[in-house]
Amino acid sequence: MNRMGIIVKQDDRRSELQKRIAADLADKAKKKNDPPADLPDGVDDSAYMEGTSQTGRFAWIWVIVIGVIVVGSVAYLFIASGNQG
């Protein structure tokens, strides 16, 4: 009978220890998942945007011009390499 009492006490201690460990791990996980408070929010911390301007309405023309230059260069190199003979 005496041995049964010891086993129950050990189980109680073990469960208390497990509860404390689980609570400690939960606290650590909670602290780890909390976002830092000093991250920029993009509204109040947007001082770097001062003095800049929006993209002009003809900016897409530059994209087309650069695209035509790239395609033309590739076509020229392709045609020039075929005529070497």
C-alpha atoms as a PDB file:
ATOM      1  CA  MET A   1       0.000   0.000   0.000  1.00  0.00           C
ATOM      2  CA  ASN A   2       2.791   2.383   0.844  1.00  0.00           C
ATOM      3  CA  ARG A   3       4.202   2.085  -2.673  1.00  0.00           C
ATOM      4  CA  MET A   4       0.904   3.146  -4.239  1.00  0.00           C
ATOM      5  CA  GLY A   5       0.990   6.412  -2.320  1.00  0.00           C
ATOM      6  CA  ILE A   6       4.504   7.165  -3.547  1.00  0.00           C
ATOM      7  CA  ILE A   7       3.555   6.538  -7.176  1.00  0.00           C
ATOM      8  CA  VAL A   8       0.568   8.862  -6.917  1.00  0.00           C
ATOM      9  CA  LYS A   9       2.716  11.587  -5.360  1.00  0.00           C
ATOM     10  CA  GLN A  10       5.301  11.226  -8.133  1.00  0.00           C
ATOM     11  CA  ASP A  11       2.572  11.511 -10.752  1.00  0.00           C
ATOM     12  CA  ASP A  12       1.239  14.628  -9.033  1.00  0.00           C
ATOM     13  CA  ARG A  13       4.682  16.194  -8.973  1.00  0.00           C
ATOM     14  CA  ARG A  14       5.288  15.260 -12.553  1.00  0.00           C
ATOM     15  CA  SER A  15       1.997  16.759 -13.665  1.00  0.00           C
ATOM     16  CA  GLU A  16       2.747  19.965 -11.744  1.00  0.00           C
ATOM     17  CA  LEU A  17       6.150  20.132 -13.409  1.00  0.00           C
ATOM     18  CA  GLN A  18       4.563  19.499 -16.787  1.00  0.00           C
ATOM     19  CA  LYS A  19       2.046  22.255 -16.137  1.00  0.00           C
ATOM     20  CA  ARG A  20       4.798  24.714 -15.254  1.00  0.00           C
ATOM     21  CA  ILE A  21       6.859  23.741 -18.293  1.00  0.00           C
ATOM     22  CA  ALA A  22       3.815  24.031 -20.566  1.00  0.00           C
ATOM     23  CA  ALA A  23       2.975  27.466 -19.148  1.00  0.00           C
ATOM     24  CA  ASP A  24       6.575  28.610 -19.558  1.00  0.00           C
ATOM     25  CA  LEU A  25       6.708  27.390 -23.157  1.00  0.00           C
ATOM     26  CA  ALA A  26       3.375  29.070 -23.903  1.00  0.00           C
ATOM     27  CA  ASP A  27       4.715  32.362 -22.504  1.00  0.00           C
ATOM     28  CA  LYS A  28       7.878  32.083 -24.596  1.00  0.00           C
ATOM     29  CA  ALA A  29       5.850  31.332 -27.735  1.00  0.00           C
ATOM     30  CA  LYS A  30       3.571  34.275 -27.032  1.00  0.00           C
ATOM     31  CA  LYS A  31       6.544  36.620 -26.605  1.00  0.00           C
ATOM     32  CA  LYS A  32       8.154  35.276 -29.760  1.00  0.00           C
ATOM     33  CA  ASN A  33       5.026  35.885 -31.859  1.00  0.00           C
ATOM     34  CA  ASP A  34       4.406  39.438 -30.632  1.00  0.00           C
ATOM     35  CA  PRO A  35       5.372  41.900 -33.393  1.00  0.00           C
ATOM     36  CA  PRO A  36       7.890  44.573 -32.436  1.00  0.00           C
ATOM     37  CA  ALA A  37       6.264  47.904 -31.703  1.00  0.00           C
ATOM     38  CA  ASP A  38       8.864  50.043 -33.495  1.00  0.00           C
ATOM     39  CA  LEU A  39       8.227  48.894 -37.073  1.00  0.00           C
ATOM     40  CA  PRO A  40       7.383  51.658 -39.544  1.00  0.00           C
ATOM     41  CA  ASP A  41       3.718  51.815 -40.422  1.00  0.00           C
ATOM     42  CA  GLY A  42       4.147  53.475 -43.815  1.00  0.00           C
ATOM     43  CA  VAL A  43       1.953  56.459 -42.933  1.00  0.00           C
ATOM     44  CA  ASP A  44       3.640  58.349 -40.122  1.00  0.00           C
ATOM     45  CA  ASP A  45       7.113  57.083 -41.037  1.00  0.00           C
ATOM     46  CA  SER A  46       7.045  58.096 -44.695  1.00  0.00           C
ATOM     47  CA  ALA A  47       9.421  61.061 -44.497  1.00  0.00           C
ATOM     48  CA  TYR A  48      11.609  59.490 -47.181  1.00  0.00           C
ATOM     49  CA  MET A  49       8.766  60.109 -49.675  1.00  0.00           C
ATOM     50  CA  GLU A  50       8.965  63.870 -49.263  1.00  0.00           C
ATOM     51  CA  GLY A  51      10.221  65.640 -52.368  1.00  0.00           C
ATOM     52  CA  THR A  52       9.442  62.770 -54.733  1.00  0.00           C
ATOM     53  CA  SER A  53       6.932  62.871 -57.552  1.00  0.00           C
ATOM     54  CA  GLN A  54       4.578  60.343 -59.026  1.00  0.00           C
ATOM     55  CA  THR A  55       5.415  58.531 -62.227  1.00  0.00           C
ATOM     56  CA  GLY A  56       4.486  60.621 -65.258  1.00  0.00           C
ATOM     57  CA  ARG A  57       1.717  59.594 -67.608  1.00  0.00           C
ATOM     58  CA  PHE A  58       4.170  58.925 -70.447  1.00  0.00           C
ATOM     59  CA  ALA A  59       6.441  56.586 -68.480  1.00  0.00           C
ATOM     60  CA  TRP A  60       5.081  53.583 -70.362  1.00  0.00           C
ATOM     61  CA  ILE A  61       6.688  54.999 -73.529  1.00  0.00           C
ATOM     62  CA  TRP A  62      10.124  54.399 -71.973  1.00  0.00           C
ATOM     63  CA  VAL A  63       9.180  50.773 -71.369  1.00  0.00           C
ATOM     64  CA  ILE A  64       8.177  50.379 -75.017  1.00  0.00           C
ATOM     65  CA  VAL A  65      11.331  52.141 -76.282  1.00  0.00           C
ATOM     66  CA  ILE A  66      13.594  49.933 -74.172  1.00  0.00           C
ATOM     67  CA  GLY A  67      11.656  46.850 -75.295  1.00  0.00           C
ATOM     68  CA  VAL A  68      12.048  47.776 -78.963  1.00  0.00           C
ATOM     69  CA  ILE A  69      15.790  48.344 -78.461  1.00  0.00           C
ATOM     70  CA  VAL A  70      16.201  44.949 -76.775  1.00  0.00           C
ATOM     71  CA  VAL A  71      14.167  43.109 -79.423  1.00  0.00           C
ATOM     72  CA  GLY A  72      15.994  44.948 -82.211  1.00  0.00           C
ATOM     73  CA  SER A  73      19.385  44.115 -80.725  1.00  0.00           C
ATOM     74  CA  VAL A  74      18.505  40.429 -80.384  1.00  0.00           C
ATOM     75  CA  ALA A  75      17.162  40.356 -83.953  1.00  0.00           C
ATOM     76  CA  TYR A  76      20.302  42.070 -85.298  1.00  0.00           C
ATOM     77  CA  LEU A  77      22.596  39.642 -83.477  1.00  0.00           C
ATOM     78  CA  PHE A  78      20.538  36.689 -84.723  1.00  0.00           C
ATOM     79  CA  ILE A  79      20.634  37.892 -88.339  1.00  0.00           C
ATOM     80  CA  ALA A  80      24.314  38.888 -88.167  1.00  0.00           C
ATOM     81  CA  SER A  81      25.372  35.530 -86.749  1.00  0.00           C
ATOM     82  CA  GLY A  82      23.560  33.704 -89.585  1.00  0.00           C
ATOM     83  CA  ASN A  83      25.466  35.516 -92.301  1.00  0.00           C
ATOM     84  CA  GLN A  84      28.959  34.479 -91.194  1.00  0.00           C
ATOM     85  CA  GLY A  85      28.895  31.689 -93.547  1.00  0.00           C
END
